[in-house]
Amino acid sequence: MKKLMIILSFTIILVACTNKSIDKEHLAYIESLDWTIASFNSTKQVKLDFAPETIAKYKASNITFVENYIGKELKITTYKLKEKDPEGDNLILNI
């Protein structure tokens, strides 16, 4: 009985720690697409910087929102999904 309680406690702690990293807004968005998170992978800060040619290509394609974020720090969160690609590997989602 004592071993069972220890194992159960350890499992609850593990689940709590794992789910702690999943942002609630991200989870709602992912679930709205009928996808399921297998695991949280990482979070990193990046500074968005594009070459002038790339920005010109975006403008030509009528993608203009990118300019608002150039030079700013962005937080990118990566999740491994339960869904598989055609090769059978788990899909990776960056938000």
PDB file of N, CA and C in Angstrom:
ATOM      1  N   MET A   1       0.828  -1.194   0.000  1.00  0.00           N
ATOM      2  CA  MET A   1       0.000   0.000   0.000  1.00  0.00           C
ATOM      3  C   MET A   1       0.872   1.258   0.000  1.00  0.00           C
ATOM      4  N   LYS A   2       1.967   1.208   0.761  1.00  0.00           N
ATOM      5  CA  LYS A   2       2.870   2.347   0.847  1.00  0.00           C
ATOM      6  C   LYS A   2       3.530   2.605  -0.517  1.00  0.00           C
ATOM      7  N   LYS A   3       3.922   1.518  -1.194  1.00  0.00           N
ATOM      8  CA  LYS A   3       4.548   1.659  -2.515  1.00  0.00           C
ATOM      9  C   LYS A   3       3.560   2.257  -3.515  1.00  0.00           C
ATOM     10  N   LEU A   4       2.326   1.810  -3.437  1.00  0.00           N
ATOM     11  CA  LEU A   4       1.299   2.322  -4.334  1.00  0.00           C
ATOM     12  C   LEU A   4       1.101   3.823  -4.142  1.00  0.00           C
ATOM     13  N   MET A   5       1.082   4.271  -2.897  1.00  0.00           N
ATOM     14  CA  MET A   5       0.917   5.701  -2.604  1.00  0.00           C
ATOM     15  C   MET A   5       2.098   6.509  -3.137  1.00  0.00           C
ATOM     16  N   ILE A   6       3.305   5.977  -3.007  1.00  0.00           N
ATOM     17  CA  ILE A   6       4.498   6.674  -3.498  1.00  0.00           C
ATOM     18  C   ILE A   6       4.451   6.773  -5.020  1.00  0.00           C
ATOM     19  N   ILE A   7       4.111   5.670  -5.675  1.00  0.00           N
ATOM     20  CA  ILE A   7       4.031   5.667  -7.138  1.00  0.00           C
ATOM     21  C   ILE A   7       2.947   6.626  -7.617  1.00  0.00           C
ATOM     22  N   LEU A   8       1.813   6.604  -6.963  1.00  0.00           N
ATOM     23  CA  LEU A   8       0.709   7.488  -7.324  1.00  0.00           C
ATOM     24  C   LEU A   8       1.092   8.958  -7.140  1.00  0.00           C
ATOM     25  N   SER A   9       1.745   9.265  -6.042  1.00  0.00           N
ATOM     26  CA  SER A   9       2.190  10.641  -5.777  1.00  0.00           C
ATOM     27  C   SER A   9       3.185  11.103  -6.833  1.00  0.00           C
ATOM     28  N   PHE A  10       4.126  10.233  -7.167  1.00  0.00           N
ATOM     29  CA  PHE A  10       5.142  10.556  -8.165  1.00  0.00           C
ATOM     30  C   PHE A  10       4.491  10.806  -9.531  1.00  0.00           C
ATOM     31  N   THR A  11       3.517   9.982  -9.879  1.00  0.00           N
ATOM     32  CA  THR A  11       2.809  10.138 -11.151  1.00  0.00           C
ATOM     33  C   THR A  11       2.062  11.465 -11.206  1.00  0.00           C
ATOM     34  N   ILE A  12       1.400  11.823 -10.140  1.00  0.00           N
ATOM     35  CA  ILE A  12       0.658  13.090 -10.088  1.00  0.00           C
ATOM     36  C   ILE A  12       1.607  14.271 -10.236  1.00  0.00           C
ATOM     37  N   ILE A  13       2.740  14.214  -9.577  1.00  0.00           N
ATOM     38  CA  ILE A  13       3.734  15.289  -9.679  1.00  0.00           C
ATOM     39  C   ILE A  13       4.251  15.398 -11.106  1.00  0.00           C
ATOM     40  N   LEU A  14       4.538  14.267 -11.731  1.00  0.00           N
ATOM     41  CA  LEU A  14       5.030  14.274 -13.112  1.00  0.00           C
ATOM     42  C   LEU A  14       4.008  14.886 -14.067  1.00  0.00           C
ATOM     43  N   VAL A  15       2.777  14.495 -13.933  1.00  0.00           N
ATOM     44  CA  VAL A  15       1.726  15.029 -14.798  1.00  0.00           C
ATOM     45  C   VAL A  15       1.566  16.525 -14.573  1.00  0.00           C
ATOM     46  N   ALA A  16       1.594  16.954 -13.348  1.00  0.00           N
ATOM     47  CA  ALA A  16       1.456  18.381 -13.037  1.00  0.00           C
ATOM     48  C   ALA A  16       2.602  19.184 -13.635  1.00  0.00           C
ATOM     49  N   CYS A  17       3.813  18.674 -13.539  1.00  0.00           N
ATOM     50  CA  CYS A  17       4.974  19.379 -14.083  1.00  0.00           C
ATOM     51  C   CYS A  17       4.927  19.426 -15.601  1.00  0.00           C
ATOM     52  N   THR A  18       4.496  18.362 -16.228  1.00  0.00           N
ATOM     53  CA  THR A  18       4.428  18.312 -17.680  1.00  0.00           C
ATOM     54  C   THR A  18       3.396  19.296 -18.208  1.00  0.00           C
ATOM     55  N   ASN A  19       2.226  19.326 -17.632  1.00  0.00           N
ATOM     56  CA  ASN A  19       1.159  20.200 -18.104  1.00  0.00           C
ATOM     57  C   ASN A  19       1.402  21.661 -17.767  1.00  0.00           C
ATOM     58  N   LYS A  20       2.246  21.935 -16.821  1.00  0.00           N
ATOM     59  CA  LYS A  20       2.526  23.303 -16.399  1.00  0.00           C
ATOM     60  C   LYS A  20       3.110  24.124 -17.548  1.00  0.00           C
ATOM     61  N   SER A  21       3.837  23.482 -18.460  1.00  0.00           N
ATOM     62  CA  SER A  21       4.498  24.184 -19.541  1.00  0.00           C
ATOM     63  C   SER A  21       3.587  24.486 -20.719  1.00  0.00           C
ATOM     64  N   ILE A  22       2.390  23.932 -20.747  1.00  0.00           N
ATOM     65  CA  ILE A  22       1.492  24.131 -21.875  1.00  0.00           C
ATOM     66  C   ILE A  22       0.613  25.355 -21.616  1.00  0.00           C
ATOM     67  N   ASP A  23       0.787  26.364 -22.450  1.00  0.00           N
ATOM     68  CA  ASP A  23       0.021  27.601 -22.348  1.00  0.00           C
ATOM     69  C   ASP A  23      -1.454  27.310 -22.648  1.00  0.00           C
ATOM     70  N   LYS A  24      -2.350  27.873 -21.848  1.00  0.00           N
ATOM     71  CA  LYS A  24      -3.790  27.613 -22.011  1.00  0.00           C
ATOM     72  C   LYS A  24      -4.314  28.102 -23.359  1.00  0.00           C
ATOM     73  N   GLU A  25      -3.831  29.256 -23.817  1.00  0.00           N
ATOM     74  CA  GLU A  25      -4.259  29.769 -25.122  1.00  0.00           C
ATOM     75  C   GLU A  25      -3.758  28.879 -26.248  1.00  0.00           C
ATOM     76  N   HIS A  26      -2.524  28.392 -26.109  1.00  0.00           N
ATOM     77  CA  HIS A  26      -1.981  27.480 -27.111  1.00  0.00           C
ATOM     78  C   HIS A  26      -2.809  26.204 -27.165  1.00  0.00           C
ATOM     79  N   LEU A  27      -3.136  25.676 -25.985  1.00  0.00           N
ATOM     80  CA  LEU A  27      -3.920  24.446 -25.909  1.00  0.00           C
ATOM     81  C   LEU A  27      -5.282  24.631 -26.579  1.00  0.00           C
ATOM     82  N   ALA A  28      -5.940  25.751 -26.316  1.00  0.00           N
ATOM     83  CA  ALA A  28      -7.246  26.022 -26.927  1.00  0.00           C
ATOM     84  C   ALA A  28      -7.129  26.095 -28.450  1.00  0.00           C
ATOM     85  N   TYR A  29      -6.070  26.752 -28.933  1.00  0.00           N
ATOM     86  CA  TYR A  29      -5.860  26.868 -30.380  1.00  0.00           C
ATOM     87  C   TYR A  29      -5.614  25.497 -31.003  1.00  0.00           C
ATOM     88  N   ILE A  30      -4.747  24.718 -30.382  1.00  0.00           N
ATOM     89  CA  ILE A  30      -4.404  23.392 -30.905  1.00  0.00           C
ATOM     90  C   ILE A  30      -5.627  22.481 -30.914  1.00  0.00           C
ATOM     91  N   GLU A  31      -6.398  22.525 -29.845  1.00  0.00           N
ATOM     92  CA  GLU A  31      -7.608  21.698 -29.779  1.00  0.00           C
ATOM     93  C   GLU A  31      -8.656  22.154 -30.799  1.00  0.00           C
ATOM     94  N   SER A  32      -8.684  23.453 -31.123  1.00  0.00           N
ATOM     95  CA  SER A  32      -9.644  23.945 -32.121  1.00  0.00           C
ATOM     96  C   SER A  32      -9.340  23.383 -33.509  1.00  0.00           C
ATOM     97  N   LEU A  33      -8.110  22.944 -33.714  1.00  0.00           N
ATOM     98  CA  LEU A  33      -7.710  22.333 -34.986  1.00  0.00           C
ATOM     99  C   LEU A  33      -7.828  20.808 -34.947  1.00  0.00           C
ATOM    100  N   ASP A  34      -8.387  20.293 -33.844  1.00  0.00           N
ATOM    101  CA  ASP A  34      -8.537  18.845 -33.624  1.00  0.00           C
ATOM    102  C   ASP A  34      -7.193  18.123 -33.569  1.00  0.00           C
ATOM    103  N   TRP A  35      -6.179  18.805 -33.036  1.00  0.00           N
ATOM    104  CA  TRP A  35      -4.882  18.188 -32.814  1.00  0.00           C
ATOM    105  C   TRP A  35      -4.732  17.904 -31.327  1.00  0.00           C
ATOM    106  N   THR A  36      -3.772  17.053 -30.987  1.00  0.00           N
ATOM    107  CA  THR A  36      -3.535  16.683 -29.599  1.00  0.00           C
ATOM    108  C   THR A  36      -2.049  16.815 -29.292  1.00  0.00           C
ATOM    109  N   ILE A  37      -1.721  17.431 -28.165  1.00  0.00           N
ATOM    110  CA  ILE A  37      -0.323  17.603 -27.761  1.00  0.00           C
ATOM    111  C   ILE A  37       0.196  16.310 -27.149  1.00  0.00           C
ATOM    112  N   ALA A  38       1.326  15.835 -27.666  1.00  0.00           N
ATOM    113  CA  ALA A  38       1.996  14.679 -27.077  1.00  0.00           C
ATOM    114  C   ALA A  38       2.923  15.156 -25.965  1.00  0.00           C
ATOM    115  N   SER A  39       3.648  16.271 -26.235  1.00  0.00           N
ATOM    116  CA  SER A  39       4.550  16.806 -25.216  1.00  0.00           C
ATOM    117  C   SER A  39       4.951  18.239 -25.549  1.00  0.00           C
ATOM    118  N   PHE A  40       5.353  18.956 -24.510  1.00  0.00           N
ATOM    119  CA  PHE A  40       5.929  20.297 -24.644  1.00  0.00           C
ATOM    120  C   PHE A  40       7.400  20.090 -24.965  1.00  0.00           C
ATOM    121  N   ASN A  41       7.918  20.756 -25.985  1.00  0.00           N
ATOM    122  CA  ASN A  41       9.327  20.580 -26.328  1.00  0.00           C
ATOM    123  C   ASN A  41      10.210  21.687 -25.770  1.00  0.00           C
ATOM    124  N   SER A  42       9.941  22.937 -26.166  1.00  0.00           N
ATOM    125  CA  SER A  42      10.825  24.013 -25.718  1.00  0.00           C
ATOM    126  C   SER A  42      10.192  25.382 -25.936  1.00  0.00           C
ATOM    127  N   THR A  43      10.820  26.365 -25.320  1.00  0.00           N
ATOM    128  CA  THR A  43      10.480  27.767 -25.540  1.00  0.00           C
ATOM    129  C   THR A  43      11.784  28.508 -25.746  1.00  0.00           C
ATOM    130  N   LYS A  44      11.807  29.372 -26.758  1.00  0.00           N
ATOM    131  CA  LYS A  44      13.021  30.159 -26.983  1.00  0.00           C
ATOM    132  C   LYS A  44      12.648  31.569 -27.404  1.00  0.00           C
ATOM    133  N   GLN A  45      13.530  32.496 -27.124  1.00  0.00           N
ATOM    134  CA  GLN A  45      13.372  33.893 -27.509  1.00  0.00           C
ATOM    135  C   GLN A  45      14.210  34.121 -28.759  1.00  0.00           C
ATOM    136  N   VAL A  46      13.636  34.732 -29.774  1.00  0.00           N
ATOM    137  CA  VAL A  46      14.373  35.058 -30.991  1.00  0.00           C
ATOM    138  C   VAL A  46      14.076  36.495 -31.387  1.00  0.00           C
ATOM    139  N   LYS A  47      15.043  37.109 -32.032  1.00  0.00           N
ATOM    140  CA  LYS A  47      14.845  38.458 -32.557  1.00  0.00           C
ATOM    141  C   LYS A  47      14.551  38.308 -34.045  1.00  0.00           C
ATOM    142  N   LEU A  48      13.404  38.810 -34.467  1.00  0.00           N
ATOM    143  CA  LEU A  48      12.972  38.662 -35.854  1.00  0.00           C
ATOM    144  C   LEU A  48      13.738  39.638 -36.733  1.00  0.00           C
ATOM    145  N   ASP A  49      14.435  39.094 -37.718  1.00  0.00           N
ATOM    146  CA  ASP A  49      15.250  39.904 -38.605  1.00  0.00           C
ATOM    147  C   ASP A  49      15.236  39.267 -39.993  1.00  0.00           C
ATOM    148  N   PHE A  50      14.771  39.997 -40.986  1.00  0.00           N
ATOM    149  CA  PHE A  50      14.719  39.500 -42.356  1.00  0.00           C
ATOM    150  C   PHE A  50      15.569  40.375 -43.258  1.00  0.00           C
ATOM    151  N   ALA A  51      16.084  39.764 -44.310  1.00  0.00           N
ATOM    152  CA  ALA A  51      16.808  40.518 -45.332  1.00  0.00           C
ATOM    153  C   ALA A  51      15.804  41.388 -46.094  1.00  0.00           C
ATOM    154  N   PRO A  52      16.246  42.531 -46.621  1.00  0.00           N
ATOM    155  CA  PRO A  52      15.337  43.413 -47.370  1.00  0.00           C
ATOM    156  C   PRO A  52      14.632  42.700 -48.536  1.00  0.00           C
ATOM    157  N   GLU A  53      15.335  41.753 -49.179  1.00  0.00           N
ATOM    158  CA  GLU A  53      14.725  41.020 -50.298  1.00  0.00           C
ATOM    159  C   GLU A  53      13.544  40.176 -49.819  1.00  0.00           C
ATOM    160  N   THR A  54      13.697  39.591 -48.644  1.00  0.00           N
ATOM    161  CA  THR A  54      12.631  38.758 -48.084  1.00  0.00           C
ATOM    162  C   THR A  54      11.411  39.607 -47.762  1.00  0.00           C
ATOM    163  N   ILE A  55      11.641  40.774 -47.181  1.00  0.00           N
ATOM    164  CA  ILE A  55      10.535  41.686 -46.857  1.00  0.00           C
ATOM    165  C   ILE A  55       9.826  42.119 -48.140  1.00  0.00           C
ATOM    166  N   ALA A  56      10.598  42.388 -49.193  1.00  0.00           N
ATOM    167  CA  ALA A  56      10.010  42.779 -50.481  1.00  0.00           C
ATOM    168  C   ALA A  56       9.140  41.650 -51.043  1.00  0.00           C
ATOM    169  N   LYS A  57       9.588  40.411 -50.893  1.00  0.00           N
ATOM    170  CA  LYS A  57       8.800  39.261 -51.373  1.00  0.00           C
ATOM    171  C   LYS A  57       7.504  39.133 -50.585  1.00  0.00           C
ATOM    172  N   TYR A  58       7.587  39.354 -49.269  1.00  0.00           N
ATOM    173  CA  TYR A  58       6.370  39.316 -48.451  1.00  0.00           C
ATOM    174  C   TYR A  58       5.386  40.398 -48.907  1.00  0.00           C
ATOM    175  N   LYS A  59       5.904  41.609 -49.131  1.00  0.00           N
ATOM    176  CA  LYS A  59       5.040  42.710 -49.581  1.00  0.00           C
ATOM    177  C   LYS A  59       4.389  42.374 -50.922  1.00  0.00           C
ATOM    178  N   ALA A  60       5.172  41.794 -51.837  1.00  0.00           N
ATOM    179  CA  ALA A  60       4.644  41.421 -53.152  1.00  0.00           C
ATOM    180  C   ALA A  60       3.543  40.369 -53.031  1.00  0.00           C
ATOM    181  N   SER A  61       3.622  39.555 -51.996  1.00  0.00           N
ATOM    182  CA  SER A  61       2.601  38.522 -51.754  1.00  0.00           C
ATOM    183  C   SER A  61       1.474  39.035 -50.872  1.00  0.00           C
ATOM    184  N   ASN A  62       1.489  40.336 -50.597  1.00  0.00           N
ATOM    185  CA  ASN A  62       0.478  40.992 -49.755  1.00  0.00           C
ATOM    186  C   ASN A  62       0.518  40.500 -48.303  1.00  0.00           C
ATOM    187  N   ILE A  63       1.698  40.103 -47.849  1.00  0.00           N
ATOM    188  CA  ILE A  63       1.899  39.733 -46.437  1.00  0.00           C
ATOM    189  C   ILE A  63       2.605  40.919 -45.792  1.00  0.00           C
ATOM    190  N   THR A  64       1.842  41.742 -45.089  1.00  0.00           N
ATOM    191  CA  THR A  64       2.397  42.997 -44.580  1.00  0.00           C
ATOM    192  C   THR A  64       2.577  43.037 -43.068  1.00  0.00           C
ATOM    193  N   PHE A  65       1.970  42.099 -42.339  1.00  0.00           N
ATOM    194  CA  PHE A  65       2.046  42.151 -40.877  1.00  0.00           C
ATOM    195  C   PHE A  65       3.451  41.886 -40.348  1.00  0.00           C
ATOM    196  N   VAL A  66       4.305  41.242 -41.141  1.00  0.00           N
ATOM    197  CA  VAL A  66       5.651  40.875 -40.688  1.00  0.00           C
ATOM    198  C   VAL A  66       6.455  42.111 -40.314  1.00  0.00           C
ATOM    199  N   GLU A  67       6.262  43.193 -41.041  1.00  0.00           N
ATOM    200  CA  GLU A  67       7.016  44.424 -40.783  1.00  0.00           C
ATOM    201  C   GLU A  67       6.825  44.939 -39.357  1.00  0.00           C
ATOM    202  N   ASN A  68       5.668  44.682 -38.769  1.00  0.00           N
ATOM    203  CA  ASN A  68       5.392  45.146 -37.404  1.00  0.00           C
ATOM    204  C   ASN A  68       6.264  44.450 -36.362  1.00  0.00           C
ATOM    205  N   TYR A  69       6.840  43.312 -36.711  1.00  0.00           N
ATOM    206  CA  TYR A  69       7.591  42.517 -35.740  1.00  0.00           C
ATOM    207  C   TYR A  69       9.100  42.519 -35.979  1.00  0.00           C
ATOM    208  N   ILE A  70       9.566  43.158 -37.034  1.00  0.00           N
ATOM    209  CA  ILE A  70      10.996  43.173 -37.334  1.00  0.00           C
ATOM    210  C   ILE A  70      11.751  43.900 -36.228  1.00  0.00           C
ATOM    211  N   GLY A  71      12.812  43.261 -35.747  1.00  0.00           N
ATOM    212  CA  GLY A  71      13.635  43.823 -34.688  1.00  0.00           C
ATOM    213  C   GLY A  71      13.114  43.564 -33.288  1.00  0.00           C
ATOM    214  N   LYS A  72      11.976  42.909 -33.168  1.00  0.00           N
ATOM    215  CA  LYS A  72      11.395  42.636 -31.853  1.00  0.00           C
ATOM    216  C   LYS A  72      11.712  41.214 -31.403  1.00  0.00           C
ATOM    217  N   GLU A  73      11.757  41.049 -30.082  1.00  0.00           N
ATOM    218  CA  GLU A  73      11.962  39.723 -29.488  1.00  0.00           C
ATOM    219  C   GLU A  73      10.642  38.960 -29.504  1.00  0.00           C
ATOM    220  N   LEU A  74      10.676  37.750 -30.009  1.00  0.00           N
ATOM    221  CA  LEU A  74       9.489  36.906 -30.045  1.00  0.00           C
ATOM    222  C   LEU A  74       9.740  35.637 -29.244  1.00  0.00           C
ATOM    223  N   LYS A  75       8.706  35.143 -28.607  1.00  0.00           N
ATOM    224  CA  LYS A  75       8.785  33.894 -27.848  1.00  0.00           C
ATOM    225  C   LYS A  75       8.179  32.792 -28.714  1.00  0.00           C
ATOM    226  N   ILE A  76       8.986  31.792 -29.054  1.00  0.00           N
ATOM    227  CA  ILE A  76       8.511  30.675 -29.872  1.00  0.00           C
ATOM    228  C   ILE A  76       8.434  29.432 -28.996  1.00  0.00           C
ATOM    229  N   THR A  77       7.249  28.844 -28.947  1.00  0.00           N
ATOM    230  CA  THR A  77       7.021  27.641 -28.154  1.00  0.00           C
ATOM    231  C   THR A  77       6.800  26.473 -29.106  1.00  0.00           C
ATOM    232  N   THR A  78       7.468  25.364 -28.826  1.00  0.00           N
ATOM    233  CA  THR A  78       7.394  24.187 -29.687  1.00  0.00           C
ATOM    234  C   THR A  78       6.729  23.035 -28.954  1.00  0.00           C
ATOM    235  N   TYR A  79       5.768  22.406 -29.638  1.00  0.00           N
ATOM    236  CA  TYR A  79       5.060  21.245 -29.098  1.00  0.00           C
ATOM    237  C   TYR A  79       5.197  20.074 -30.063  1.00  0.00           C
ATOM    238  N   LYS A  80       5.289  18.886 -29.505  1.00  0.00           N
ATOM    239  CA  LYS A  80       5.233  17.660 -30.297  1.00  0.00           C
ATOM    240  C   LYS A  80       3.783  17.198 -30.249  1.00  0.00           C
ATOM    241  N   LEU A  81       3.196  16.947 -31.420  1.00  0.00           N
ATOM    242  CA  LEU A  81       1.799  16.534 -31.493  1.00  0.00           C
ATOM    243  C   LEU A  81       1.688  15.013 -31.595  1.00  0.00           C
ATOM    244  N   LYS A  82       0.543  14.481 -31.231  1.00  0.00           N
ATOM    245  CA  LYS A  82       0.302  13.040 -31.357  1.00  0.00           C
ATOM    246  C   LYS A  82       0.045  12.652 -32.810  1.00  0.00           C
ATOM    247  N   GLU A  83      -0.392  13.614 -33.618  1.00  0.00           N
ATOM    248  CA  GLU A  83      -0.662  13.342 -35.023  1.00  0.00           C
ATOM    249  C   GLU A  83       0.649  13.067 -35.760  1.00  0.00           C
ATOM    250  N   LYS A  84       0.563  12.236 -36.780  1.00  0.00           N
ATOM    251  CA  LYS A  84       1.753  11.814 -37.528  1.00  0.00           C
ATOM    252  C   LYS A  84       1.749  12.406 -38.937  1.00  0.00           C
ATOM    253  N   ASP A  85       2.956  12.570 -39.488  1.00  0.00           N
ATOM    254  CA  ASP A  85       3.079  12.976 -40.884  1.00  0.00           C
ATOM    255  C   ASP A  85       3.041  11.715 -41.764  1.00  0.00           C
ATOM    256  N   PRO A  86       3.077  11.860 -43.095  1.00  0.00           N
ATOM    257  CA  PRO A  86       2.996  10.680 -43.970  1.00  0.00           C
ATOM    258  C   PRO A  86       4.096   9.639 -43.735  1.00  0.00           C
ATOM    259  N   GLU A  87       5.245  10.077 -43.212  1.00  0.00           N
ATOM    260  CA  GLU A  87       6.337   9.138 -42.930  1.00  0.00           C
ATOM    261  C   GLU A  87       6.179   8.444 -41.580  1.00  0.00           C
ATOM    262  N   GLY A  88       5.183   8.851 -40.804  1.00  0.00           N
ATOM    263  CA  GLY A  88       4.938   8.226 -39.505  1.00  0.00           C
ATOM    264  C   GLY A  88       5.594   8.935 -38.332  1.00  0.00           C
ATOM    265  N   ASP A  89       6.212  10.089 -38.582  1.00  0.00           N
ATOM    266  CA  ASP A  89       6.837  10.860 -37.501  1.00  0.00           C
ATOM    267  C   ASP A  89       5.807  11.806 -36.888  1.00  0.00           C
ATOM    268  N   ASN A  90       5.979  12.105 -35.598  1.00  0.00           N
ATOM    269  CA  ASN A  90       5.080  13.054 -34.942  1.00  0.00           C
ATOM    270  C   ASN A  90       5.251  14.438 -35.553  1.00  0.00           C
ATOM    271  N   LEU A  91       4.138  15.144 -35.704  1.00  0.00           N
ATOM    272  CA  LEU A  91       4.188  16.517 -36.189  1.00  0.00           C
ATOM    273  C   LEU A  91       4.719  17.425 -35.088  1.00  0.00           C
ATOM    274  N   ILE A  92       5.442  18.459 -35.478  1.00  0.00           N
ATOM    275  CA  ILE A  92       5.976  19.454 -34.553  1.00  0.00           C
ATOM    276  C   ILE A  92       5.291  20.781 -34.867  1.00  0.00           C
ATOM    277  N   LEU A  93       4.814  21.467 -33.829  1.00  0.00           N
ATOM    278  CA  LEU A  93       4.110  22.734 -33.996  1.00  0.00           C
ATOM    279  C   LEU A  93       4.873  23.839 -33.280  1.00  0.00           C
ATOM    280  N   ASN A  94       5.153  24.923 -33.998  1.00  0.00           N
ATOM    281  CA  ASN A  94       5.784  26.113 -33.417  1.00  0.00           C
ATOM    282  C   ASN A  94       4.751  27.222 -33.346  1.00  0.00           C
ATOM    283  N   ILE A  95       4.580  27.781 -32.150  1.00  0.00           N
ATOM    284  CA  ILE A  95       3.650  28.900 -31.968  1.00  0.00           C
ATOM    285  C   ILE A  95       4.444  30.087 -31.453  1.00  0.00           C
TER     286      ILE A  95
END
